[in-house]
Protein backbone atom coordinates (compact mmCIF):
# COMPACT_ATOMS: atom_id res chain seq x y z
CA UNK A 1 0.00 0.00 0.00
CA UNK A 2 2.85 2.37 0.89
CA UNK A 3 4.53 1.48 -2.40
CA UNK A 4 1.35 2.35 -4.32
CA UNK A 5 1.11 5.72 -2.55
CA UNK A 6 4.75 6.45 -3.35
CA UNK A 7 4.16 5.53 -6.99
CA UNK A 8 1.10 7.80 -7.16
CA UNK A 9 3.08 10.63 -5.59
CA UNK A 10 5.79 10.27 -8.24
CA UNK A 11 3.16 10.19 -10.99
CA UNK A 12 1.49 13.33 -9.62
CA UNK A 13 4.84 15.07 -9.23
CA UNK A 14 5.88 14.25 -12.80
CA UNK A 15 2.54 15.31 -14.28
CA UNK A 16 2.24 18.58 -12.38
CA UNK A 17 5.87 19.51 -12.94
CA UNK A 18 5.50 18.84 -16.67
CA UNK A 19 2.44 21.08 -16.84
CA UNK A 20 4.34 23.88 -15.11
CA UNK A 21 7.41 23.62 -17.30
CA UNK A 22 5.58 23.50 -20.61
CA UNK A 23 3.32 26.43 -19.69
CA UNK A 24 0.00 24.62 -19.27
CA UNK A 25 0.07 25.78 -15.66
CA UNK A 26 1.20 29.37 -16.02
CA UNK A 27 3.00 31.37 -13.34
CA UNK A 28 0.48 32.72 -10.84
CA UNK A 29 -2.00 29.92 -11.55
CA UNK A 30 -3.89 28.81 -8.41
CA UNK A 31 -2.98 25.17 -7.81
CA UNK A 32 -5.81 23.47 -5.95
CA UNK A 33 -4.73 20.05 -4.61
CA UNK A 34 -8.35 18.86 -4.77
CA UNK A 35 -8.89 19.98 -8.37
CA UNK A 36 -5.51 18.63 -9.46
CA UNK A 37 -6.27 15.28 -7.82
CA UNK A 38 -9.53 15.10 -9.74
CA UNK A 39 -7.82 16.07 -13.01
CA UNK A 40 -5.08 13.47 -12.59
CA UNK A 41 -7.51 10.89 -11.18
CA UNK A 42 -5.24 10.33 -8.17
CA UNK A 43 -5.74 10.50 -4.43
CA UNK A 44 -5.51 13.78 -2.54
CA UNK A 45 -2.60 12.66 -0.35
CA UNK A 46 -0.23 11.77 -3.24
CA UNK A 47 -1.07 15.06 -4.96
CA UNK A 48 -0.45 17.06 -1.78
CA UNK A 49 2.89 15.28 -1.32
CA UNK A 50 3.82 16.01 -4.94
CA UNK A 51 2.93 19.68 -4.55
CA UNK A 52 5.08 19.87 -1.41
CA UNK A 53 8.05 18.58 -3.43
CA UNK A 54 7.41 21.29 -6.00
CA UNK A 55 7.32 23.89 -3.22
CA UNK A 56 10.78 22.73 -2.12
CA UNK A 57 11.98 23.04 -5.74
CA UNK A 58 10.62 26.58 -5.95
CA UNK A 59 8.13 25.86 -8.73
CA UNK A 60 5.14 26.30 -6.43
CA UNK A 61 4.56 28.67 -3.52
CA UNK A 62 2.12 28.60 -0.63
CA UNK A 63 0.76 32.01 0.32
CA UNK A 64 -0.74 31.99 3.84
CA UNK A 65 -4.52 32.53 3.96
CA UNK A 66 -4.62 32.69 0.15
CA UNK A 67 -3.66 29.36 -1.33
CA UNK A 68 -1.10 27.53 -3.45
CA UNK A 69 0.16 29.02 -6.70
CA UNK A 70 2.57 28.26 -9.51
CA UNK A 71 5.58 30.46 -8.84
CA UNK A 72 5.89 33.59 -10.95
CA UNK A 73 9.46 34.43 -11.98
CA UNK A 74 11.26 37.15 -10.07
CA UNK A 75 13.29 39.83 -11.79
CA UNK A 76 16.47 38.02 -10.71
CA UNK A 77 15.16 34.72 -12.14
CA UNK A 78 14.43 36.34 -15.48
CA UNK A 79 17.75 38.12 -15.68
CA UNK A 80 19.64 34.89 -14.99
CA UNK A 81 17.63 33.13 -17.70
CA UNK A 82 18.49 35.83 -20.21
CA UNK A 83 22.15 35.73 -19.27
CA UNK A 84 22.20 32.03 -20.18
CA UNK A 85 20.32 32.82 -23.39
CA UNK A 86 22.92 35.48 -24.14
CA UNK A 87 25.70 32.89 -23.97
CA UNK A 88 23.85 30.26 -26.01
CA UNK A 89 22.60 32.46 -28.83
CA UNK A 90 25.76 34.50 -29.26
CA UNK A 91 27.70 31.24 -29.51
CA UNK A 92 25.19 29.93 -32.06
CA UNK A 93 25.66 33.06 -34.16
CA UNK A 94 29.45 32.65 -33.99
CA UNK A 95 29.28 29.02 -35.10
CA UNK A 96 26.78 29.79 -37.85
CA UNK A 97 29.22 32.35 -39.26
CA UNK A 98 32.00 29.76 -39.19
CA UNK A 99 29.88 27.31 -41.20
CA UNK A 100 28.00 29.83 -43.33
CA UNK A 101 24.24 30.29 -43.71
CA UNK A 102 21.90 27.36 -44.32
CA UNK A 103 19.04 27.52 -46.80
CA UNK A 104 16.57 27.86 -43.92
CA UNK A 105 18.42 30.79 -42.36
CA UNK A 106 18.82 32.47 -45.76
CA UNK A 107 15.10 32.09 -46.46
CA UNK A 108 14.17 33.67 -43.12
CA UNK A 109 16.57 36.56 -43.71
CA UNK A 110 15.20 37.12 -47.22
CA UNK A 111 11.67 37.31 -45.85
CA UNK A 112 12.75 39.84 -43.24
CA UNK A 113 14.53 41.92 -45.90
CA UNK A 114 11.38 41.89 -48.05
CA UNK A 115 9.29 43.10 -45.10
CA UNK A 116 11.67 46.02 -44.53
CA UNK A 117 11.91 46.92 -48.22
CA UNK A 118 8.13 46.84 -48.66
CA UNK A 119 7.49 48.78 -45.47
CA UNK A 120 5.09 46.11 -44.20
CA UNK A 121 3.12 46.90 -41.04
CA UNK A 122 2.08 43.28 -40.35
CA UNK A 123 3.72 43.01 -36.93
CA UNK A 124 2.59 39.45 -36.24
CA UNK A 125 4.11 38.12 -39.47
CA UNK A 126 7.30 40.11 -38.92
CA UNK A 127 7.69 38.72 -35.40
CA UNK A 128 6.84 35.17 -36.48
CA UNK A 129 9.60 35.24 -39.10
CA UNK A 130 11.96 36.70 -36.51
CA UNK A 131 11.24 33.72 -34.22
CA UNK A 132 11.92 31.38 -37.15
CA UNK A 133 15.22 33.20 -37.71
CA UNK A 134 16.34 32.32 -34.18
CA UNK A 135 15.39 28.66 -34.68
CA UNK A 136 17.23 28.49 -38.01
CA UNK A 137 20.26 30.11 -36.42
CA UNK A 138 20.74 27.06 -34.19
CA UNK A 139 20.37 24.76 -37.18
CA UNK A 140 23.06 26.78 -38.98
CA UNK A 141 25.35 26.50 -35.93
CA UNK A 142 25.45 22.73 -36.53
CA UNK A 143 25.90 21.92 -32.86
CA UNK A 144 23.17 19.65 -31.54
CA UNK A 145 24.31 19.95 -27.93
CA UNK A 146 24.05 23.72 -28.08
CA UNK A 147 20.50 23.58 -29.45
CA UNK A 148 19.53 20.90 -26.94
CA UNK A 149 20.75 23.17 -24.13
CA UNK A 150 18.60 26.00 -25.49
CA UNK A 151 15.51 23.80 -25.78
CA UNK A 152 16.04 22.52 -22.25
CA UNK A 153 16.31 26.10 -20.99
CA UNK A 154 13.02 26.93 -22.71
CA UNK A 155 11.33 23.88 -21.23
CA UNK A 156 12.58 24.68 -17.74
CA UNK A 157 11.60 28.34 -17.82
CA UNK A 158 8.17 28.28 -19.44
CA UNK A 159 7.00 31.68 -20.67
CA UNK A 160 10.31 33.40 -19.96
CA UNK A 161 11.75 32.22 -23.27
CA UNK A 162 8.56 31.67 -25.22
CA UNK A 163 7.62 34.07 -27.98
CA UNK A 164 5.78 37.14 -26.72
CA UNK A 165 3.85 39.32 -29.11
CA UNK A 166 4.80 43.00 -29.15
CA UNK A 167 2.55 45.81 -30.35
CA UNK A 168 5.34 48.42 -30.58
CA UNK A 169 6.13 48.72 -34.31
CA UNK A 170 9.40 50.56 -33.70
CA UNK A 171 10.69 47.87 -31.35
CA UNK A 172 9.70 45.07 -33.74
CA UNK A 173 11.39 46.79 -36.69
CA UNK A 174 14.54 47.42 -34.68
CA UNK A 175 14.68 43.73 -33.89
CA UNK A 176 14.26 42.88 -37.58
CA UNK A 177 17.13 45.16 -38.55
CA UNK A 178 19.28 43.55 -35.88
CA UNK A 179 18.45 40.12 -37.31
CA UNK A 180 19.59 41.33 -40.72
CA UNK A 181 22.88 42.63 -39.26
CA UNK A 182 23.48 39.24 -37.66
CA UNK A 183 22.74 37.50 -40.96
CA UNK A 184 25.04 39.81 -42.91
CA UNK A 185 27.94 38.82 -40.65
CA UNK A 186 27.08 35.13 -41.01
CA UNK A 187 26.86 35.51 -44.77
CA UNK A 188 30.32 37.15 -44.96
CA UNK A 189 31.76 34.56 -42.56
CA UNK A 190 32.66 37.01 -39.79
CA UNK A 191 32.14 34.96 -36.60
CA UNK A 192 33.17 37.63 -34.11
CA UNK A 193 30.94 40.25 -35.72
CA UNK A 194 28.00 37.81 -35.76
CA UNK A 195 28.56 37.02 -32.09
CA UNK A 196 28.74 40.72 -31.20
CA UNK A 197 25.58 41.59 -33.15
CA UNK A 198 23.64 38.77 -31.48
CA UNK A 199 24.98 39.73 -28.06
CA UNK A 200 23.76 43.30 -28.55
CA UNK A 201 20.44 42.07 -29.96
CA UNK A 202 19.68 40.01 -26.85
CA UNK A 203 20.80 42.79 -24.53
CA UNK A 204 18.67 45.33 -26.39
CA UNK A 205 15.47 43.41 -25.70
CA UNK A 206 16.16 42.00 -22.25
CA UNK A 207 14.90 44.80 -19.99
CA UNK A 208 11.77 45.39 -22.09
CA UNK A 209 11.00 41.68 -22.15
CA UNK A 210 11.45 41.34 -18.38
CA UNK A 211 9.04 44.25 -17.83
CA UNK A 212 6.53 42.68 -20.22
CA UNK A 213 6.64 39.28 -18.51
CA UNK A 214 6.53 40.76 -15.03
CA UNK A 215 3.58 42.91 -16.06
CA UNK A 216 1.70 39.85 -17.29
CA UNK A 217 2.15 38.29 -13.88
CA UNK A 218 0.95 41.38 -12.05
CA UNK A 219 4.34 42.21 -10.54
CA UNK A 220 6.17 45.53 -10.68
CA UNK A 221 9.03 45.62 -13.18
C-alpha atoms as a PDB file:
ATOM      1  CA  UNK A   1       0.000   0.000   0.000  1.00  0.00           C
ATOM      2  CA  UNK A   2       2.846   2.371   0.890  1.00  0.00           C
ATOM      3  CA  UNK A   3       4.528   1.479  -2.404  1.00  0.00           C
ATOM      4  CA  UNK A   4       1.353   2.350  -4.320  1.00  0.00           C
ATOM      5  CA  UNK A   5       1.112   5.717  -2.552  1.00  0.00           C
ATOM      6  CA  UNK A   6       4.746   6.445  -3.349  1.00  0.00           C
ATOM      7  CA  UNK A   7       4.155   5.527  -6.994  1.00  0.00           C
ATOM      8  CA  UNK A   8       1.097   7.796  -7.162  1.00  0.00           C
ATOM      9  CA  UNK A   9       3.079  10.632  -5.591  1.00  0.00           C
ATOM     10  CA  UNK A  10       5.790  10.267  -8.240  1.00  0.00           C
ATOM     11  CA  UNK A  11       3.160  10.194 -10.991  1.00  0.00           C
ATOM     12  CA  UNK A  12       1.492  13.326  -9.615  1.00  0.00           C
ATOM     13  CA  UNK A  13       4.843  15.067  -9.227  1.00  0.00           C
ATOM     14  CA  UNK A  14       5.879  14.252 -12.798  1.00  0.00           C
ATOM     15  CA  UNK A  15       2.542  15.305 -14.278  1.00  0.00           C
ATOM     16  CA  UNK A  16       2.242  18.584 -12.382  1.00  0.00           C
ATOM     17  CA  UNK A  17       5.875  19.509 -12.939  1.00  0.00           C
ATOM     18  CA  UNK A  18       5.497  18.836 -16.668  1.00  0.00           C
ATOM     19  CA  UNK A  19       2.440  21.081 -16.838  1.00  0.00           C
ATOM     20  CA  UNK A  20       4.336  23.880 -15.111  1.00  0.00           C
ATOM     21  CA  UNK A  21       7.414  23.617 -17.302  1.00  0.00           C
ATOM     22  CA  UNK A  22       5.575  23.501 -20.608  1.00  0.00           C
ATOM     23  CA  UNK A  23       3.321  26.427 -19.688  1.00  0.00           C
ATOM     24  CA  UNK A  24      -0.001  24.621 -19.269  1.00  0.00           C
ATOM     25  CA  UNK A  25       0.067  25.783 -15.657  1.00  0.00           C
ATOM     26  CA  UNK A  26       1.202  29.371 -16.017  1.00  0.00           C
ATOM     27  CA  UNK A  27       3.004  31.374 -13.338  1.00  0.00           C
ATOM     28  CA  UNK A  28       0.481  32.718 -10.839  1.00  0.00           C
ATOM     29  CA  UNK A  29      -1.996  29.917 -11.553  1.00  0.00           C
ATOM     30  CA  UNK A  30      -3.888  28.808  -8.409  1.00  0.00           C
ATOM     31  CA  UNK A  31      -2.975  25.168  -7.812  1.00  0.00           C
ATOM     32  CA  UNK A  32      -5.813  23.473  -5.946  1.00  0.00           C
ATOM     33  CA  UNK A  33      -4.732  20.052  -4.611  1.00  0.00           C
ATOM     34  CA  UNK A  34      -8.345  18.857  -4.768  1.00  0.00           C
ATOM     35  CA  UNK A  35      -8.892  19.978  -8.372  1.00  0.00           C
ATOM     36  CA  UNK A  36      -5.509  18.626  -9.458  1.00  0.00           C
ATOM     37  CA  UNK A  37      -6.272  15.282  -7.817  1.00  0.00           C
ATOM     38  CA  UNK A  38      -9.535  15.097  -9.742  1.00  0.00           C
ATOM     39  CA  UNK A  39      -7.822  16.066 -13.010  1.00  0.00           C
ATOM     40  CA  UNK A  40      -5.079  13.467 -12.592  1.00  0.00           C
ATOM     41  CA  UNK A  41      -7.508  10.889 -11.175  1.00  0.00           C
ATOM     42  CA  UNK A  42      -5.241  10.334  -8.173  1.00  0.00           C
ATOM     43  CA  UNK A  43      -5.741  10.498  -4.427  1.00  0.00           C
ATOM     44  CA  UNK A  44      -5.511  13.782  -2.541  1.00  0.00           C
ATOM     45  CA  UNK A  45      -2.596  12.661  -0.352  1.00  0.00           C
ATOM     46  CA  UNK A  46      -0.229  11.765  -3.239  1.00  0.00           C
ATOM     47  CA  UNK A  47      -1.074  15.065  -4.964  1.00  0.00           C
ATOM     48  CA  UNK A  48      -0.449  17.060  -1.782  1.00  0.00           C
ATOM     49  CA  UNK A  49       2.890  15.281  -1.323  1.00  0.00           C
ATOM     50  CA  UNK A  50       3.818  16.014  -4.944  1.00  0.00           C
ATOM     51  CA  UNK A  51       2.934  19.685  -4.551  1.00  0.00           C
ATOM     52  CA  UNK A  52       5.080  19.875  -1.414  1.00  0.00           C
ATOM     53  CA  UNK A  53       8.047  18.584  -3.428  1.00  0.00           C
ATOM     54  CA  UNK A  54       7.405  21.290  -6.003  1.00  0.00           C
ATOM     55  CA  UNK A  55       7.318  23.886  -3.217  1.00  0.00           C
ATOM     56  CA  UNK A  56      10.776  22.734  -2.124  1.00  0.00           C
ATOM     57  CA  UNK A  57      11.981  23.036  -5.742  1.00  0.00           C
ATOM     58  CA  UNK A  58      10.624  26.577  -5.946  1.00  0.00           C
ATOM     59  CA  UNK A  59       8.129  25.857  -8.734  1.00  0.00           C
ATOM     60  CA  UNK A  60       5.141  26.296  -6.425  1.00  0.00           C
ATOM     61  CA  UNK A  61       4.556  28.675  -3.519  1.00  0.00           C
ATOM     62  CA  UNK A  62       2.119  28.596  -0.628  1.00  0.00           C
ATOM     63  CA  UNK A  63       0.761  32.007   0.321  1.00  0.00           C
ATOM     64  CA  UNK A  64      -0.737  31.990   3.837  1.00  0.00           C
ATOM     65  CA  UNK A  65      -4.519  32.526   3.962  1.00  0.00           C
ATOM     66  CA  UNK A  66      -4.623  32.694   0.155  1.00  0.00           C
ATOM     67  CA  UNK A  67      -3.663  29.356  -1.334  1.00  0.00           C
ATOM     68  CA  UNK A  68      -1.105  27.531  -3.447  1.00  0.00           C
ATOM     69  CA  UNK A  69       0.158  29.021  -6.697  1.00  0.00           C
ATOM     70  CA  UNK A  70       2.570  28.260  -9.506  1.00  0.00           C
ATOM     71  CA  UNK A  71       5.578  30.465  -8.838  1.00  0.00           C
ATOM     72  CA  UNK A  72       5.887  33.592 -10.947  1.00  0.00           C
ATOM     73  CA  UNK A  73       9.460  34.429 -11.984  1.00  0.00           C
ATOM     74  CA  UNK A  74      11.263  37.151 -10.073  1.00  0.00           C
ATOM     75  CA  UNK A  75      13.292  39.828 -11.794  1.00  0.00           C
ATOM     76  CA  UNK A  76      16.467  38.017 -10.707  1.00  0.00           C
ATOM     77  CA  UNK A  77      15.162  34.724 -12.143  1.00  0.00           C
ATOM     78  CA  UNK A  78      14.435  36.345 -15.477  1.00  0.00           C
ATOM     79  CA  UNK A  79      17.755  38.117 -15.684  1.00  0.00           C
ATOM     80  CA  UNK A  80      19.643  34.888 -14.993  1.00  0.00           C
ATOM     81  CA  UNK A  81      17.633  33.133 -17.702  1.00  0.00           C
ATOM     82  CA  UNK A  82      18.485  35.830 -20.208  1.00  0.00           C
ATOM     83  CA  UNK A  83      22.151  35.728 -19.270  1.00  0.00           C
ATOM     84  CA  UNK A  84      22.198  32.034 -20.184  1.00  0.00           C
ATOM     85  CA  UNK A  85      20.319  32.819 -23.392  1.00  0.00           C
ATOM     86  CA  UNK A  86      22.922  35.477 -24.144  1.00  0.00           C
ATOM     87  CA  UNK A  87      25.702  32.892 -23.970  1.00  0.00           C
ATOM     88  CA  UNK A  88      23.854  30.260 -26.008  1.00  0.00           C
ATOM     89  CA  UNK A  89      22.602  32.462 -28.834  1.00  0.00           C
ATOM     90  CA  UNK A  90      25.762  34.504 -29.260  1.00  0.00           C
ATOM     91  CA  UNK A  91      27.704  31.236 -29.508  1.00  0.00           C
ATOM     92  CA  UNK A  92      25.191  29.928 -32.056  1.00  0.00           C
ATOM     93  CA  UNK A  93      25.665  33.064 -34.160  1.00  0.00           C
ATOM     94  CA  UNK A  94      29.448  32.650 -33.990  1.00  0.00           C
ATOM     95  CA  UNK A  95      29.282  29.019 -35.104  1.00  0.00           C
ATOM     96  CA  UNK A  96      26.784  29.791 -37.855  1.00  0.00           C
ATOM     97  CA  UNK A  97      29.223  32.345 -39.265  1.00  0.00           C
ATOM     98  CA  UNK A  98      31.997  29.755 -39.186  1.00  0.00           C
ATOM     99  CA  UNK A  99      29.880  27.307 -41.203  1.00  0.00           C
ATOM    100  CA  UNK A 100      28.002  29.827 -43.329  1.00  0.00           C
ATOM    101  CA  UNK A 101      24.236  30.289 -43.714  1.00  0.00           C
ATOM    102  CA  UNK A 102      21.905  27.357 -44.316  1.00  0.00           C
ATOM    103  CA  UNK A 103      19.038  27.517 -46.799  1.00  0.00           C
ATOM    104  CA  UNK A 104      16.575  27.863 -43.921  1.00  0.00           C
ATOM    105  CA  UNK A 105      18.421  30.793 -42.362  1.00  0.00           C
ATOM    106  CA  UNK A 106      18.825  32.469 -45.759  1.00  0.00           C
ATOM    107  CA  UNK A 107      15.100  32.086 -46.455  1.00  0.00           C
ATOM    108  CA  UNK A 108      14.166  33.675 -43.116  1.00  0.00           C
ATOM    109  CA  UNK A 109      16.575  36.560 -43.710  1.00  0.00           C
ATOM    110  CA  UNK A 110      15.199  37.118 -47.221  1.00  0.00           C
ATOM    111  CA  UNK A 111      11.667  37.314 -45.847  1.00  0.00           C
ATOM    112  CA  UNK A 112      12.754  39.844 -43.245  1.00  0.00           C
ATOM    113  CA  UNK A 113      14.527  41.920 -45.899  1.00  0.00           C
ATOM    114  CA  UNK A 114      11.380  41.888 -48.052  1.00  0.00           C
ATOM    115  CA  UNK A 115       9.293  43.105 -45.100  1.00  0.00           C
ATOM    116  CA  UNK A 116      11.666  46.023 -44.531  1.00  0.00           C
ATOM    117  CA  UNK A 117      11.912  46.921 -48.219  1.00  0.00           C
ATOM    118  CA  UNK A 118       8.128  46.840 -48.665  1.00  0.00           C
ATOM    119  CA  UNK A 119       7.490  48.777 -45.468  1.00  0.00           C
ATOM    120  CA  UNK A 120       5.090  46.112 -44.205  1.00  0.00           C
ATOM    121  CA  UNK A 121       3.119  46.896 -41.041  1.00  0.00           C
ATOM    122  CA  UNK A 122       2.082  43.285 -40.350  1.00  0.00           C
ATOM    123  CA  UNK A 123       3.724  43.015 -36.928  1.00  0.00           C
ATOM    124  CA  UNK A 124       2.588  39.448 -36.240  1.00  0.00           C
ATOM    125  CA  UNK A 125       4.112  38.121 -39.465  1.00  0.00           C
ATOM    126  CA  UNK A 126       7.296  40.110 -38.915  1.00  0.00           C
ATOM    127  CA  UNK A 127       7.690  38.721 -35.402  1.00  0.00           C
ATOM    128  CA  UNK A 128       6.845  35.165 -36.482  1.00  0.00           C
ATOM    129  CA  UNK A 129       9.598  35.236 -39.098  1.00  0.00           C
ATOM    130  CA  UNK A 130      11.955  36.697 -36.506  1.00  0.00           C
ATOM    131  CA  UNK A 131      11.242  33.725 -34.221  1.00  0.00           C
ATOM    132  CA  UNK A 132      11.925  31.377 -37.152  1.00  0.00           C
ATOM    133  CA  UNK A 133      15.221  33.204 -37.714  1.00  0.00           C
ATOM    134  CA  UNK A 134      16.338  32.316 -34.179  1.00  0.00           C
ATOM    135  CA  UNK A 135      15.390  28.662 -34.685  1.00  0.00           C
ATOM    136  CA  UNK A 136      17.231  28.491 -38.007  1.00  0.00           C
ATOM    137  CA  UNK A 137      20.262  30.111 -36.424  1.00  0.00           C
ATOM    138  CA  UNK A 138      20.736  27.064 -34.188  1.00  0.00           C
ATOM    139  CA  UNK A 139      20.368  24.755 -37.184  1.00  0.00           C
ATOM    140  CA  UNK A 140      23.059  26.777 -38.977  1.00  0.00           C
ATOM    141  CA  UNK A 141      25.354  26.498 -35.933  1.00  0.00           C
ATOM    142  CA  UNK A 142      25.454  22.735 -36.529  1.00  0.00           C
ATOM    143  CA  UNK A 143      25.902  21.921 -32.856  1.00  0.00           C
ATOM    144  CA  UNK A 144      23.166  19.652 -31.542  1.00  0.00           C
ATOM    145  CA  UNK A 145      24.310  19.952 -27.932  1.00  0.00           C
ATOM    146  CA  UNK A 146      24.050  23.721 -28.081  1.00  0.00           C
ATOM    147  CA  UNK A 147      20.503  23.577 -29.447  1.00  0.00           C
ATOM    148  CA  UNK A 148      19.531  20.900 -26.938  1.00  0.00           C
ATOM    149  CA  UNK A 149      20.746  23.173 -24.134  1.00  0.00           C
ATOM    150  CA  UNK A 150      18.602  25.999 -25.494  1.00  0.00           C
ATOM    151  CA  UNK A 151      15.511  23.799 -25.777  1.00  0.00           C
ATOM    152  CA  UNK A 152      16.037  22.520 -22.246  1.00  0.00           C
ATOM    153  CA  UNK A 153      16.309  26.097 -20.990  1.00  0.00           C
ATOM    154  CA  UNK A 154      13.024  26.932 -22.714  1.00  0.00           C
ATOM    155  CA  UNK A 155      11.325  23.877 -21.231  1.00  0.00           C
ATOM    156  CA  UNK A 156      12.578  24.680 -17.738  1.00  0.00           C
ATOM    157  CA  UNK A 157      11.598  28.343 -17.823  1.00  0.00           C
ATOM    158  CA  UNK A 158       8.173  28.276 -19.441  1.00  0.00           C
ATOM    159  CA  UNK A 159       7.000  31.681 -20.671  1.00  0.00           C
ATOM    160  CA  UNK A 160      10.310  33.402 -19.962  1.00  0.00           C
ATOM    161  CA  UNK A 161      11.748  32.220 -23.274  1.00  0.00           C
ATOM    162  CA  UNK A 162       8.559  31.667 -25.224  1.00  0.00           C
ATOM    163  CA  UNK A 163       7.620  34.070 -27.985  1.00  0.00           C
ATOM    164  CA  UNK A 164       5.785  37.138 -26.720  1.00  0.00           C
ATOM    165  CA  UNK A 165       3.846  39.324 -29.112  1.00  0.00           C
ATOM    166  CA  UNK A 166       4.798  43.005 -29.153  1.00  0.00           C
ATOM    167  CA  UNK A 167       2.552  45.809 -30.354  1.00  0.00           C
ATOM    168  CA  UNK A 168       5.336  48.415 -30.581  1.00  0.00           C
ATOM    169  CA  UNK A 169       6.129  48.719 -34.309  1.00  0.00           C
ATOM    170  CA  UNK A 170       9.402  50.564 -33.705  1.00  0.00           C
ATOM    171  CA  UNK A 171      10.694  47.867 -31.348  1.00  0.00           C
ATOM    172  CA  UNK A 172       9.699  45.074 -33.735  1.00  0.00           C
ATOM    173  CA  UNK A 173      11.389  46.785 -36.691  1.00  0.00           C
ATOM    174  CA  UNK A 174      14.542  47.425 -34.682  1.00  0.00           C
ATOM    175  CA  UNK A 175      14.681  43.726 -33.892  1.00  0.00           C
ATOM    176  CA  UNK A 176      14.257  42.877 -37.577  1.00  0.00           C
ATOM    177  CA  UNK A 177      17.128  45.158 -38.554  1.00  0.00           C
ATOM    178  CA  UNK A 178      19.275  43.554 -35.879  1.00  0.00           C
ATOM    179  CA  UNK A 179      18.451  40.125 -37.310  1.00  0.00           C
ATOM    180  CA  UNK A 180      19.591  41.333 -40.718  1.00  0.00           C
ATOM    181  CA  UNK A 181      22.877  42.626 -39.264  1.00  0.00           C
ATOM    182  CA  UNK A 182      23.476  39.237 -37.663  1.00  0.00           C
ATOM    183  CA  UNK A 183      22.737  37.501 -40.957  1.00  0.00           C
ATOM    184  CA  UNK A 184      25.044  39.815 -42.914  1.00  0.00           C
ATOM    185  CA  UNK A 185      27.939  38.819 -40.646  1.00  0.00           C
ATOM    186  CA  UNK A 186      27.078  35.131 -41.014  1.00  0.00           C
ATOM    187  CA  UNK A 187      26.862  35.512 -44.775  1.00  0.00           C
ATOM    188  CA  UNK A 188      30.315  37.150 -44.959  1.00  0.00           C
ATOM    189  CA  UNK A 189      31.755  34.560 -42.559  1.00  0.00           C
ATOM    190  CA  UNK A 190      32.656  37.010 -39.792  1.00  0.00           C
ATOM    191  CA  UNK A 191      32.139  34.961 -36.599  1.00  0.00           C
ATOM    192  CA  UNK A 192      33.165  37.627 -34.106  1.00  0.00           C
ATOM    193  CA  UNK A 193      30.945  40.246 -35.725  1.00  0.00           C
ATOM    194  CA  UNK A 194      28.000  37.811 -35.758  1.00  0.00           C
ATOM    195  CA  UNK A 195      28.558  37.020 -32.087  1.00  0.00           C
ATOM    196  CA  UNK A 196      28.738  40.719 -31.202  1.00  0.00           C
ATOM    197  CA  UNK A 197      25.576  41.588 -33.148  1.00  0.00           C
ATOM    198  CA  UNK A 198      23.637  38.772 -31.479  1.00  0.00           C
ATOM    199  CA  UNK A 199      24.981  39.735 -28.056  1.00  0.00           C
ATOM    200  CA  UNK A 200      23.757  43.300 -28.549  1.00  0.00           C
ATOM    201  CA  UNK A 201      20.438  42.072 -29.964  1.00  0.00           C
ATOM    202  CA  UNK A 202      19.676  40.006 -26.852  1.00  0.00           C
ATOM    203  CA  UNK A 203      20.801  42.790 -24.526  1.00  0.00           C
ATOM    204  CA  UNK A 204      18.672  45.327 -26.388  1.00  0.00           C
ATOM    205  CA  UNK A 205      15.467  43.409 -25.700  1.00  0.00           C
ATOM    206  CA  UNK A 206      16.163  42.002 -22.247  1.00  0.00           C
ATOM    207  CA  UNK A 207      14.897  44.804 -19.991  1.00  0.00           C
ATOM    208  CA  UNK A 208      11.774  45.393 -22.086  1.00  0.00           C
ATOM    209  CA  UNK A 209      11.001  41.676 -22.146  1.00  0.00           C
ATOM    210  CA  UNK A 210      11.453  41.340 -18.384  1.00  0.00           C
ATOM    211  CA  UNK A 211       9.042  44.251 -17.829  1.00  0.00           C
ATOM    212  CA  UNK A 212       6.533  42.684 -20.218  1.00  0.00           C
ATOM    213  CA  UNK A 213       6.644  39.278 -18.515  1.00  0.00           C
ATOM    214  CA  UNK A 214       6.533  40.764 -15.031  1.00  0.00           C
ATOM    215  CA  UNK A 215       3.579  42.915 -16.063  1.00  0.00           C
ATOM    216  CA  UNK A 216       1.697  39.845 -17.292  1.00  0.00           C
ATOM    217  CA  UNK A 217       2.147  38.288 -13.884  1.00  0.00           C
ATOM    218  CA  UNK A 218       0.953  41.376 -12.046  1.00  0.00           C
ATOM    219  CA  UNK A 219       4.335  42.207 -10.542  1.00  0.00           C
ATOM    220  CA  UNK A 220       6.169  45.534 -10.681  1.00  0.00           C
ATOM    221  CA  UNK A 221       9.035  45.617 -13.175  1.00  0.00           C
END
